[in-house]
Amino acid sequence: MTTTLDEDNRTALVKLEYIKEIRHKMLGVERLRSRLAAEVEAVQVEEASLADYKAEMDQLLQEKMAHVEELRQIHADINAMENIIKSGEEIRSKALENARRLYEEYQGVGSAEILCWQSVGSAAILCWQGVGSAA
């Protein structure tokens, strides 16, 4: 009977050893499952963060394009103002030249009138009327 008891004890020890190995492997699998769950959660958190970053990037790009359009419009306005200023300067120069020419003409007429007054005296009115109608 001791041999059967010894064999039963050995069988029980082998089974216990086998159970111990299974338990050790199960703990390893449980640790692996826990790490896997943590990594999956980290991936999900990063995916959410990336989605937020991409949305923010899209908003920034839209804002950039709005600023680019605004700058383009400002440049167009500056060019238009430069053209208006250039045109105004040309008009002013022409008006100044016309004024200068008219002033010289006026001086000539004024000199003729003075000569008429000095040379003719009271007959200057007739001279003036003659100069005014000739012009």
Protein backbone atom coordinates (compact mmCIF):
# COMPACT_ATOMS: atom_id res chain seq x y z
CA MET A 1 0.00 0.00 0.00
CA THR A 2 2.88 2.36 0.51
CA THR A 3 3.79 2.03 -3.10
CA THR A 4 0.33 3.09 -4.16
CA LEU A 5 0.49 5.86 -1.63
CA ASP A 6 3.90 6.90 -2.91
CA GLU A 7 2.63 6.77 -6.48
CA ASP A 8 -0.46 8.74 -5.52
CA ASN A 9 1.75 11.26 -3.74
CA ARG A 10 4.02 11.51 -6.78
CA THR A 11 1.04 11.87 -9.09
CA ALA A 12 -0.39 14.52 -6.77
CA LEU A 13 3.01 16.29 -6.67
CA VAL A 14 3.27 16.15 -10.48
CA LYS A 15 -0.26 17.49 -10.76
CA LEU A 16 0.51 20.23 -8.22
CA GLU A 17 3.67 21.10 -10.10
CA TYR A 18 1.68 21.19 -13.33
CA ILE A 19 -0.96 23.42 -11.67
CA LYS A 20 1.83 25.66 -10.36
CA GLU A 21 3.22 26.03 -13.92
CA ILE A 22 -0.27 26.75 -15.27
CA ARG A 23 -0.81 29.34 -12.52
CA HIS A 24 2.58 30.94 -13.30
CA LYS A 25 1.71 31.06 -17.01
CA MET A 26 -1.75 32.46 -16.21
CA LEU A 27 -0.15 35.25 -14.14
CA GLY A 28 2.18 35.98 -17.06
CA VAL A 29 -0.79 36.07 -19.46
CA GLU A 30 -2.68 38.32 -17.04
CA ARG A 31 0.28 40.73 -16.85
CA LEU A 32 0.54 40.66 -20.65
CA ARG A 33 -3.21 41.31 -20.98
CA SER A 34 -2.95 44.21 -18.52
CA ARG A 35 -0.03 45.76 -20.46
CA LEU A 36 -1.90 45.22 -23.73
CA ALA A 37 -4.99 46.99 -22.31
CA ALA A 38 -2.79 49.88 -21.12
CA GLU A 39 -1.19 50.17 -24.60
CA VAL A 40 -4.58 50.08 -26.33
CA GLU A 41 -5.79 52.84 -24.02
CA ALA A 42 -2.64 54.87 -24.76
CA VAL A 43 -3.27 54.44 -28.50
CA GLN A 44 -6.86 55.63 -28.08
CA VAL A 45 -5.76 58.66 -26.06
CA GLU A 46 -3.14 59.52 -28.69
CA GLU A 47 -5.70 59.09 -31.49
CA ALA A 48 -8.01 61.55 -29.72
CA SER A 49 -5.12 63.97 -29.21
CA LEU A 50 -4.09 63.64 -32.86
CA ALA A 51 -7.66 64.34 -33.97
CA ASP A 52 -7.67 67.49 -31.82
CA TYR A 53 -4.25 68.54 -33.19
CA LYS A 54 -5.43 67.98 -36.78
CA ALA A 55 -8.59 70.01 -36.16
CA GLU A 56 -6.49 72.82 -34.66
CA MET A 57 -4.12 72.62 -37.63
CA ASP A 58 -7.06 72.91 -40.04
CA GLN A 59 -8.32 75.98 -38.18
CA LEU A 60 -4.86 77.54 -38.25
CA LEU A 61 -4.56 76.88 -41.99
CA GLN A 62 -7.95 78.49 -42.58
CA GLU A 63 -6.89 81.48 -40.50
CA LYS A 64 -3.62 81.65 -42.44
CA MET A 65 -5.50 81.64 -45.73
CA ALA A 66 -7.78 84.40 -44.44
CA HIS A 67 -4.70 86.45 -43.52
CA VAL A 68 -3.13 85.71 -46.90
CA GLU A 69 -6.30 86.96 -48.61
CA GLU A 70 -6.35 89.99 -46.33
CA LEU A 71 -2.71 90.76 -47.18
CA ARG A 72 -3.46 90.33 -50.88
CA GLN A 73 -6.30 92.81 -50.56
CA ILE A 74 -4.06 95.23 -48.66
CA HIS A 75 -1.44 94.99 -51.41
CA ALA A 76 -4.13 95.60 -54.04
CA ASP A 77 -5.34 98.64 -52.07
CA ILE A 78 -1.77 99.94 -51.79
CA ASN A 79 -1.26 99.53 -55.54
CA ALA A 80 -4.54 101.32 -56.22
CA MET A 81 -3.56 104.18 -53.89
CA GLU A 82 -0.15 104.43 -55.56
CA ASN A 83 -1.87 104.69 -58.95
CA ILE A 84 -4.28 107.33 -57.63
CA ILE A 85 -1.39 109.31 -56.13
CA LYS A 86 0.59 109.07 -59.36
CA SER A 87 -2.44 110.19 -61.37
CA GLY A 88 -3.06 113.04 -58.91
CA GLU A 89 0.56 114.15 -59.16
CA GLU A 90 0.32 114.15 -62.96
CA ILE A 91 -2.90 116.19 -62.85
CA ARG A 92 -1.32 118.58 -60.34
CA SER A 93 1.77 118.97 -62.54
CA LYS A 94 -0.39 119.72 -65.60
CA ALA A 95 -2.50 122.19 -63.60
CA LEU A 96 0.65 123.86 -62.25
CA GLU A 97 2.09 124.11 -65.74
CA ASN A 98 -1.18 125.58 -67.03
CA ALA A 99 -1.25 128.04 -64.12
CA ARG A 100 2.35 129.03 -64.84
CA ARG A 101 1.56 129.55 -68.53
CA LEU A 102 -1.59 131.54 -67.71
CA TYR A 103 0.33 133.64 -65.19
CA GLU A 104 2.95 134.48 -67.79
CA GLU A 105 0.17 135.35 -70.23
CA TYR A 106 -1.51 137.45 -67.54
CA GLN A 107 1.75 139.26 -66.83
CA GLY A 108 2.05 140.04 -70.53
CA VAL A 109 -1.48 141.43 -70.57
CA GLY A 110 -0.84 143.38 -67.38
CA SER A 111 2.34 144.88 -68.84
CA ALA A 112 0.45 145.87 -71.97
CA GLU A 113 -2.22 147.53 -69.83
CA ILE A 114 0.38 149.50 -67.83
CA LEU A 115 1.99 150.67 -71.05
CA CYS A 116 -1.40 151.73 -72.34
CA TRP A 117 -2.12 153.76 -69.18
CA GLN A 118 1.25 155.39 -69.22
CA SER A 119 1.35 156.27 -72.89
CA VAL A 120 -2.23 157.16 -73.57
CA GLY A 121 -3.49 158.28 -70.21
CA SER A 122 -7.24 158.63 -70.28
CA ALA A 123 -7.45 156.82 -73.60
CA ALA A 124 -6.33 153.65 -71.78
CA ILE A 125 -9.90 152.49 -71.51
CA LEU A 126 -10.06 152.25 -75.26
CA CYS A 127 -6.73 150.40 -75.31
CA TRP A 128 -7.90 148.01 -72.65
CA GLN A 129 -11.08 147.30 -74.52
CA GLY A 130 -9.04 146.66 -77.61
CA VAL A 131 -6.67 144.25 -75.78
CA GLY A 132 -9.58 142.48 -74.07
CA SER A 133 -11.47 141.95 -77.31
CA ALA A 134 -8.31 140.77 -79.10
CA ALA A 135 -7.74 138.11 -76.52
